[in-house]
C-alpha cells in the first residue's frame, strides 16, 4: 500500500463545531490515517480518512452520545456536514464474526472519496 497524504481531502469543520483533538497537522502525518475529533453539544463525531487495501481513500465518520444512539435525523445531519451531499455514504452491517463494538451508542458511516463503489440504483429515467 502506498502512502498518500489525505489531509487535503478533509472538509472544513462545520460552523458551530470545535475540534478537540486533531492529528491532521501532525508533522510528519500519521500514515496512512489522519483523524480529527469534533464535538457539538453532546454529539461526538470522529472523522478519519484511511487508504484501504483497495488503494482508495475512505472516510470513516462515527457519531455517538454518552447515553443513547444517534437518531436518524442526527445521522442525516452528520452525513451532510462531514461527508457532503454529493458523495454516497454507507452504513455497514458486517458478518457477526467481523462485528466490532467498542461503544454501544456509536453509529458509523463510510464513504469512498475516490469514486462511487456501488451502482446507481435509480431507474433509467432517474426515478427511484
N, C-alpha and C. Protein backbone atom coordinates (compact mmCIF):
# COMPACT_ATOMS: atom_id res chain seq x y z
N UNK A 1 0.84 -1.17 0.00
CA UNK A 1 0.00 0.00 0.00
C UNK A 1 0.90 1.24 0.00
N UNK A 2 0.60 2.19 -0.87
CA UNK A 2 1.39 3.40 -0.99
C UNK A 2 0.87 4.48 -0.05
N UNK A 3 1.80 5.24 0.55
CA UNK A 3 1.39 6.35 1.41
C UNK A 3 0.84 7.48 0.55
N UNK A 4 -0.21 8.09 1.03
CA UNK A 4 -0.83 9.23 0.35
C UNK A 4 -1.29 10.20 1.43
N UNK A 5 -0.92 11.46 1.30
CA UNK A 5 -1.34 12.47 2.27
C UNK A 5 -2.81 12.79 2.03
N UNK A 6 -3.66 12.41 2.99
CA UNK A 6 -5.10 12.57 2.82
C UNK A 6 -5.62 13.86 3.46
N UNK A 7 -4.74 14.65 4.07
CA UNK A 7 -5.20 15.87 4.73
C UNK A 7 -6.01 16.80 3.81
N UNK A 8 -5.65 16.97 2.54
CA UNK A 8 -6.45 17.86 1.69
C UNK A 8 -7.88 17.35 1.44
N UNK A 9 -8.15 16.07 1.72
CA UNK A 9 -9.48 15.51 1.48
C UNK A 9 -10.47 15.86 2.58
N UNK A 10 -9.98 16.30 3.74
CA UNK A 10 -10.89 16.65 4.84
C UNK A 10 -11.68 17.90 4.50
N UNK A 11 -12.97 17.85 4.81
CA UNK A 11 -13.82 19.03 4.71
C UNK A 11 -13.51 19.92 5.92
N UNK A 12 -13.68 21.24 5.80
CA UNK A 12 -13.51 22.08 6.98
C UNK A 12 -14.55 21.75 8.04
N UNK A 13 -14.24 21.96 9.30
CA UNK A 13 -15.24 21.68 10.35
C UNK A 13 -16.50 22.51 10.11
N UNK A 14 -17.67 21.92 10.32
CA UNK A 14 -18.92 22.66 10.14
C UNK A 14 -19.01 23.83 11.13
N UNK A 15 -19.73 24.90 10.75
CA UNK A 15 -19.90 26.02 11.68
C UNK A 15 -20.52 25.53 13.00
N UNK A 16 -20.02 26.05 14.09
CA UNK A 16 -20.54 25.68 15.40
C UNK A 16 -19.87 24.47 16.02
N UNK A 17 -19.05 23.76 15.26
CA UNK A 17 -18.32 22.61 15.79
C UNK A 17 -16.91 23.06 16.13
N UNK A 18 -16.35 22.47 17.17
CA UNK A 18 -14.98 22.79 17.51
C UNK A 18 -14.16 21.51 17.52
N UNK A 19 -12.95 21.62 17.06
CA UNK A 19 -12.05 20.48 17.05
C UNK A 19 -11.44 20.36 18.45
N UNK A 20 -11.58 19.17 19.04
CA UNK A 20 -11.00 18.97 20.37
C UNK A 20 -9.76 18.07 20.32
N UNK A 21 -9.54 17.40 19.20
CA UNK A 21 -8.33 16.61 19.01
C UNK A 21 -8.11 16.53 17.51
N UNK A 22 -6.93 16.87 17.06
CA UNK A 22 -6.70 16.95 15.61
C UNK A 22 -5.30 16.43 15.28
N UNK A 23 -5.26 15.39 14.48
CA UNK A 23 -3.98 14.83 14.04
C UNK A 23 -3.60 15.30 12.64
N UNK A 24 -4.45 16.10 12.00
CA UNK A 24 -4.19 16.48 10.61
C UNK A 24 -2.93 17.31 10.45
N UNK A 25 -2.56 18.06 11.49
CA UNK A 25 -1.42 18.97 11.36
C UNK A 25 -0.15 18.40 11.96
N UNK A 26 -0.19 17.14 12.35
CA UNK A 26 0.99 16.49 12.90
C UNK A 26 2.03 16.36 11.79
N UNK A 27 3.27 16.60 12.12
CA UNK A 27 4.32 16.52 11.11
C UNK A 27 5.39 15.56 11.60
N UNK A 28 5.72 14.50 10.88
CA UNK A 28 5.02 14.10 9.67
C UNK A 28 3.64 13.52 10.00
N UNK A 29 2.72 13.52 9.03
CA UNK A 29 1.39 12.98 9.31
C UNK A 29 1.47 11.49 9.64
N UNK A 30 0.45 11.01 10.32
CA UNK A 30 0.40 9.61 10.72
C UNK A 30 -0.05 8.79 9.50
N UNK A 31 0.84 8.06 8.84
CA UNK A 31 0.40 7.30 7.67
C UNK A 31 -0.22 5.99 8.10
N UNK A 32 -1.25 5.48 7.41
CA UNK A 32 -1.97 6.21 6.37
C UNK A 32 -3.18 6.95 6.92
N UNK A 33 -3.37 7.00 8.22
CA UNK A 33 -4.60 7.54 8.79
C UNK A 33 -4.37 8.92 9.40
N UNK A 34 -5.22 9.85 9.04
CA UNK A 34 -5.23 11.17 9.65
C UNK A 34 -6.63 11.33 10.22
N UNK A 35 -6.76 11.70 11.49
CA UNK A 35 -8.07 11.73 12.12
C UNK A 35 -8.28 13.02 12.89
N UNK A 36 -9.53 13.42 13.02
CA UNK A 36 -9.86 14.54 13.88
C UNK A 36 -11.13 14.22 14.66
N UNK A 37 -11.24 14.79 15.81
CA UNK A 37 -12.39 14.56 16.69
C UNK A 37 -13.07 15.90 16.90
N UNK A 38 -14.36 15.96 16.66
CA UNK A 38 -15.09 17.21 16.79
C UNK A 38 -16.29 17.01 17.69
N UNK A 39 -16.72 18.05 18.34
CA UNK A 39 -17.76 17.93 19.34
C UNK A 39 -18.76 19.07 19.19
N UNK A 40 -20.03 18.77 19.26
CA UNK A 40 -21.08 19.79 19.29
C UNK A 40 -22.12 19.31 20.28
N UNK A 41 -22.44 20.12 21.25
CA UNK A 41 -23.33 19.76 22.35
C UNK A 41 -22.91 18.40 22.88
N UNK A 42 -23.84 17.43 22.91
CA UNK A 42 -23.48 16.12 23.45
C UNK A 42 -23.23 15.08 22.36
N UNK A 43 -23.28 15.48 21.09
CA UNK A 43 -22.99 14.55 19.99
C UNK A 43 -21.51 14.63 19.67
N UNK A 44 -20.85 13.51 19.74
CA UNK A 44 -19.42 13.45 19.45
C UNK A 44 -19.24 12.80 18.09
N UNK A 45 -18.37 13.37 17.26
CA UNK A 45 -18.12 12.85 15.92
C UNK A 45 -16.62 12.67 15.75
N UNK A 46 -16.23 11.50 15.27
CA UNK A 46 -14.83 11.25 14.92
C UNK A 46 -14.80 11.01 13.41
N UNK A 47 -13.95 11.78 12.73
CA UNK A 47 -13.80 11.61 11.28
C UNK A 47 -12.36 11.22 10.99
N UNK A 48 -12.17 10.19 10.17
CA UNK A 48 -10.83 9.79 9.78
C UNK A 48 -10.85 9.36 8.32
N UNK A 49 -9.71 9.52 7.68
CA UNK A 49 -9.56 9.08 6.29
C UNK A 49 -8.39 8.12 6.25
N UNK A 50 -8.62 6.95 5.67
CA UNK A 50 -7.58 5.92 5.54
C UNK A 50 -7.51 5.45 4.10
N UNK A 51 -6.33 5.12 3.65
CA UNK A 51 -6.17 4.43 2.38
C UNK A 51 -6.32 2.95 2.70
N UNK A 52 -7.35 2.33 2.15
CA UNK A 52 -7.65 0.93 2.44
C UNK A 52 -6.95 0.00 1.46
N UNK A 53 -7.17 -1.29 1.63
CA UNK A 53 -6.49 -2.30 0.79
C UNK A 53 -6.81 -2.17 -0.69
N UNK A 54 -7.95 -1.50 -1.01
CA UNK A 54 -8.29 -1.29 -2.42
C UNK A 54 -7.56 -0.06 -2.99
N UNK A 55 -6.66 0.53 -2.18
CA UNK A 55 -5.89 1.73 -2.55
C UNK A 55 -6.76 2.96 -2.79
N UNK A 56 -7.96 2.96 -2.22
CA UNK A 56 -8.85 4.11 -2.30
C UNK A 56 -8.92 4.78 -0.93
N UNK A 57 -9.15 6.09 -0.96
CA UNK A 57 -9.31 6.85 0.28
C UNK A 57 -10.75 6.68 0.77
N UNK A 58 -10.90 6.21 2.01
CA UNK A 58 -12.20 6.01 2.62
C UNK A 58 -12.33 6.91 3.84
N UNK A 59 -13.42 7.67 3.88
CA UNK A 59 -13.76 8.49 5.02
C UNK A 59 -14.61 7.65 5.97
N UNK A 60 -14.22 7.61 7.24
CA UNK A 60 -14.99 6.92 8.28
C UNK A 60 -15.47 7.97 9.26
N UNK A 61 -16.76 8.06 9.46
CA UNK A 61 -17.34 9.02 10.39
C UNK A 61 -18.13 8.23 11.43
N UNK A 62 -17.74 8.36 12.70
CA UNK A 62 -18.51 7.73 13.76
C UNK A 62 -19.14 8.84 14.59
N UNK A 63 -20.33 8.54 15.12
CA UNK A 63 -21.06 9.52 15.92
C UNK A 63 -21.66 8.81 17.12
N UNK A 64 -21.67 9.49 18.26
CA UNK A 64 -22.18 8.85 19.46
C UNK A 64 -22.66 9.89 20.47
N UNK A 65 -23.50 9.42 21.35
CA UNK A 65 -23.91 10.13 22.55
C UNK A 65 -23.45 9.30 23.73
N UNK A 66 -23.38 9.90 24.89
CA UNK A 66 -22.95 9.17 26.08
C UNK A 66 -23.99 8.16 26.55
N UNK A 67 -25.28 8.42 26.26
CA UNK A 67 -26.34 7.59 26.85
C UNK A 67 -27.41 7.10 25.88
N UNK A 68 -27.21 7.33 24.57
CA UNK A 68 -28.20 6.86 23.59
C UNK A 68 -27.58 6.84 22.20
N UNK A 69 -28.20 6.06 21.31
CA UNK A 69 -27.78 6.05 19.91
C UNK A 69 -28.18 7.36 19.25
N UNK A 70 -27.41 7.82 18.26
CA UNK A 70 -27.85 8.97 17.48
C UNK A 70 -29.14 8.63 16.73
N UNK A 71 -29.98 9.62 16.54
CA UNK A 71 -31.23 9.42 15.80
C UNK A 71 -30.95 9.41 14.30
N UNK A 72 -31.94 8.98 13.54
CA UNK A 72 -31.82 9.01 12.07
C UNK A 72 -31.57 10.44 11.60
N UNK A 73 -32.28 11.40 12.18
CA UNK A 73 -32.12 12.80 11.79
C UNK A 73 -30.70 13.28 12.07
N UNK A 74 -30.12 12.85 13.20
CA UNK A 74 -28.73 13.22 13.50
C UNK A 74 -27.77 12.58 12.51
N UNK A 75 -28.04 11.32 12.12
CA UNK A 75 -27.17 10.66 11.13
C UNK A 75 -27.21 11.41 9.80
N UNK A 76 -28.40 11.84 9.39
CA UNK A 76 -28.54 12.59 8.13
C UNK A 76 -27.76 13.90 8.23
N UNK A 77 -27.89 14.59 9.36
CA UNK A 77 -27.17 15.86 9.54
C UNK A 77 -25.66 15.65 9.54
N UNK A 78 -25.18 14.61 10.23
CA UNK A 78 -23.74 14.33 10.26
C UNK A 78 -23.26 13.97 8.86
N UNK A 79 -24.02 13.19 8.12
CA UNK A 79 -23.64 12.84 6.74
C UNK A 79 -23.51 14.10 5.91
N UNK A 80 -24.49 14.99 6.01
CA UNK A 80 -24.47 16.23 5.22
C UNK A 80 -23.26 17.09 5.61
N UNK A 81 -22.98 17.23 6.91
CA UNK A 81 -21.92 18.11 7.38
C UNK A 81 -20.51 17.56 7.16
N UNK A 82 -20.33 16.26 7.38
CA UNK A 82 -18.99 15.70 7.36
C UNK A 82 -18.64 14.95 6.07
N UNK A 83 -19.65 14.45 5.36
CA UNK A 83 -19.41 13.73 4.11
C UNK A 83 -19.78 14.60 2.92
N UNK A 84 -20.91 15.29 3.02
CA UNK A 84 -21.37 16.15 1.93
C UNK A 84 -22.54 15.53 1.19
N UNK A 85 -23.23 16.37 0.45
CA UNK A 85 -24.41 15.92 -0.29
C UNK A 85 -24.07 15.21 -1.60
N UNK A 86 -22.86 15.38 -2.09
CA UNK A 86 -22.51 14.84 -3.41
C UNK A 86 -21.76 13.51 -3.36
N UNK A 87 -21.61 12.94 -2.17
CA UNK A 87 -20.88 11.68 -2.01
C UNK A 87 -21.80 10.66 -1.34
N UNK A 88 -21.77 9.43 -1.84
CA UNK A 88 -22.56 8.34 -1.24
C UNK A 88 -21.89 7.88 0.05
N UNK A 89 -22.69 7.73 1.10
CA UNK A 89 -22.20 7.20 2.37
C UNK A 89 -22.92 5.89 2.65
N UNK A 90 -22.25 5.01 3.40
CA UNK A 90 -22.76 3.68 3.66
C UNK A 90 -22.78 3.43 5.16
N UNK A 91 -23.84 2.78 5.62
CA UNK A 91 -23.86 2.22 6.97
C UNK A 91 -23.71 0.72 6.75
N UNK A 92 -22.68 0.13 7.31
CA UNK A 92 -22.32 -1.26 7.02
C UNK A 92 -22.79 -2.17 8.14
N UNK A 93 -23.37 -3.30 7.76
CA UNK A 93 -23.75 -4.35 8.70
C UNK A 93 -22.91 -5.59 8.36
N UNK A 94 -21.74 -5.72 8.98
CA UNK A 94 -20.83 -6.81 8.62
C UNK A 94 -21.31 -8.15 9.17
N UNK A 95 -20.71 -9.24 8.70
CA UNK A 95 -20.99 -10.54 9.32
C UNK A 95 -20.64 -10.47 10.80
N UNK A 96 -21.33 -11.23 11.61
CA UNK A 96 -21.15 -11.18 13.06
C UNK A 96 -19.70 -11.44 13.46
N UNK A 97 -18.99 -12.26 12.72
CA UNK A 97 -17.59 -12.57 13.04
C UNK A 97 -16.69 -11.34 12.84
N UNK A 98 -17.12 -10.37 12.05
CA UNK A 98 -16.33 -9.17 11.79
C UNK A 98 -16.86 -7.94 12.53
N UNK A 99 -17.91 -8.13 13.31
CA UNK A 99 -18.52 -7.00 14.02
C UNK A 99 -17.68 -6.57 15.21
N UNK A 100 -17.39 -5.29 15.28
CA UNK A 100 -16.64 -4.72 16.39
C UNK A 100 -17.51 -3.66 17.04
N UNK A 101 -17.66 -3.73 18.35
CA UNK A 101 -18.48 -2.76 19.05
C UNK A 101 -17.74 -2.31 20.31
N UNK A 102 -17.12 -1.14 20.24
CA UNK A 102 -16.40 -0.60 21.39
C UNK A 102 -17.28 0.35 22.20
N UNK A 103 -18.39 0.79 21.62
CA UNK A 103 -19.29 1.73 22.27
C UNK A 103 -20.72 1.38 21.85
N UNK A 104 -21.57 1.06 22.79
CA UNK A 104 -22.95 0.64 22.49
C UNK A 104 -23.80 1.76 21.89
N UNK A 105 -23.35 3.01 21.99
CA UNK A 105 -24.13 4.14 21.50
C UNK A 105 -23.48 4.83 20.31
N UNK A 106 -22.72 4.09 19.52
CA UNK A 106 -21.98 4.66 18.40
C UNK A 106 -22.48 4.09 17.07
N UNK A 107 -22.67 4.94 16.09
CA UNK A 107 -23.03 4.53 14.73
C UNK A 107 -21.96 5.04 13.78
N UNK A 108 -21.84 4.39 12.61
CA UNK A 108 -20.75 4.68 11.68
C UNK A 108 -21.27 4.89 10.26
N UNK A 109 -20.59 5.79 9.54
CA UNK A 109 -20.80 5.96 8.11
C UNK A 109 -19.44 5.82 7.42
N UNK A 110 -19.47 5.25 6.22
CA UNK A 110 -18.26 5.10 5.41
C UNK A 110 -18.53 5.73 4.05
N UNK A 111 -17.52 6.39 3.47
CA UNK A 111 -17.67 6.99 2.15
C UNK A 111 -16.36 6.86 1.39
N UNK A 112 -16.45 6.36 0.18
CA UNK A 112 -15.27 6.27 -0.68
C UNK A 112 -15.06 7.64 -1.31
N UNK A 113 -13.87 8.22 -1.12
CA UNK A 113 -13.57 9.54 -1.66
C UNK A 113 -12.93 9.47 -3.03
N UNK A 114 -12.70 8.26 -3.53
CA UNK A 114 -12.08 8.06 -4.84
C UNK A 114 -13.05 7.48 -5.85
N UNK A 115 -14.31 7.85 -5.76
CA UNK A 115 -15.30 7.38 -6.73
C UNK A 115 -16.33 6.46 -6.10
N UNK A 116 -17.42 6.36 -6.76
CA UNK A 116 -18.53 5.56 -6.29
C UNK A 116 -18.20 4.07 -6.40
N UNK A 117 -18.59 3.30 -5.39
CA UNK A 117 -18.31 1.87 -5.40
C UNK A 117 -19.58 1.02 -5.46
N UNK A 118 -20.73 1.68 -5.58
CA UNK A 118 -22.00 0.95 -5.74
C UNK A 118 -22.65 1.40 -7.04
N UNK A 119 -23.56 0.58 -7.57
CA UNK A 119 -24.25 1.00 -8.78
C UNK A 119 -25.22 2.14 -8.47
N UNK A 120 -25.65 2.84 -9.50
CA UNK A 120 -26.71 3.83 -9.38
C UNK A 120 -28.03 3.05 -9.34
N UNK A 121 -28.76 3.15 -8.26
CA UNK A 121 -29.96 2.36 -8.08
C UNK A 121 -31.20 3.03 -8.67
N UNK A 122 -31.04 4.18 -9.32
CA UNK A 122 -32.17 4.84 -9.97
C UNK A 122 -32.52 4.12 -11.26
N UNK A 123 -33.78 4.22 -11.68
CA UNK A 123 -34.19 3.67 -12.97
C UNK A 123 -33.61 4.53 -14.08
N UNK A 124 -33.77 4.11 -15.31
CA UNK A 124 -33.16 4.80 -16.46
C UNK A 124 -33.59 6.26 -16.53
N UNK A 125 -34.80 6.59 -16.12
CA UNK A 125 -35.27 7.97 -16.21
C UNK A 125 -34.90 8.80 -14.98
N UNK A 126 -34.04 8.26 -14.10
CA UNK A 126 -33.61 8.98 -12.92
C UNK A 126 -34.53 8.82 -11.72
N UNK A 127 -35.60 8.08 -11.87
CA UNK A 127 -36.54 7.88 -10.77
C UNK A 127 -36.15 6.65 -9.97
N UNK A 128 -36.44 6.70 -8.69
CA UNK A 128 -36.15 5.55 -7.82
C UNK A 128 -37.27 4.56 -7.89
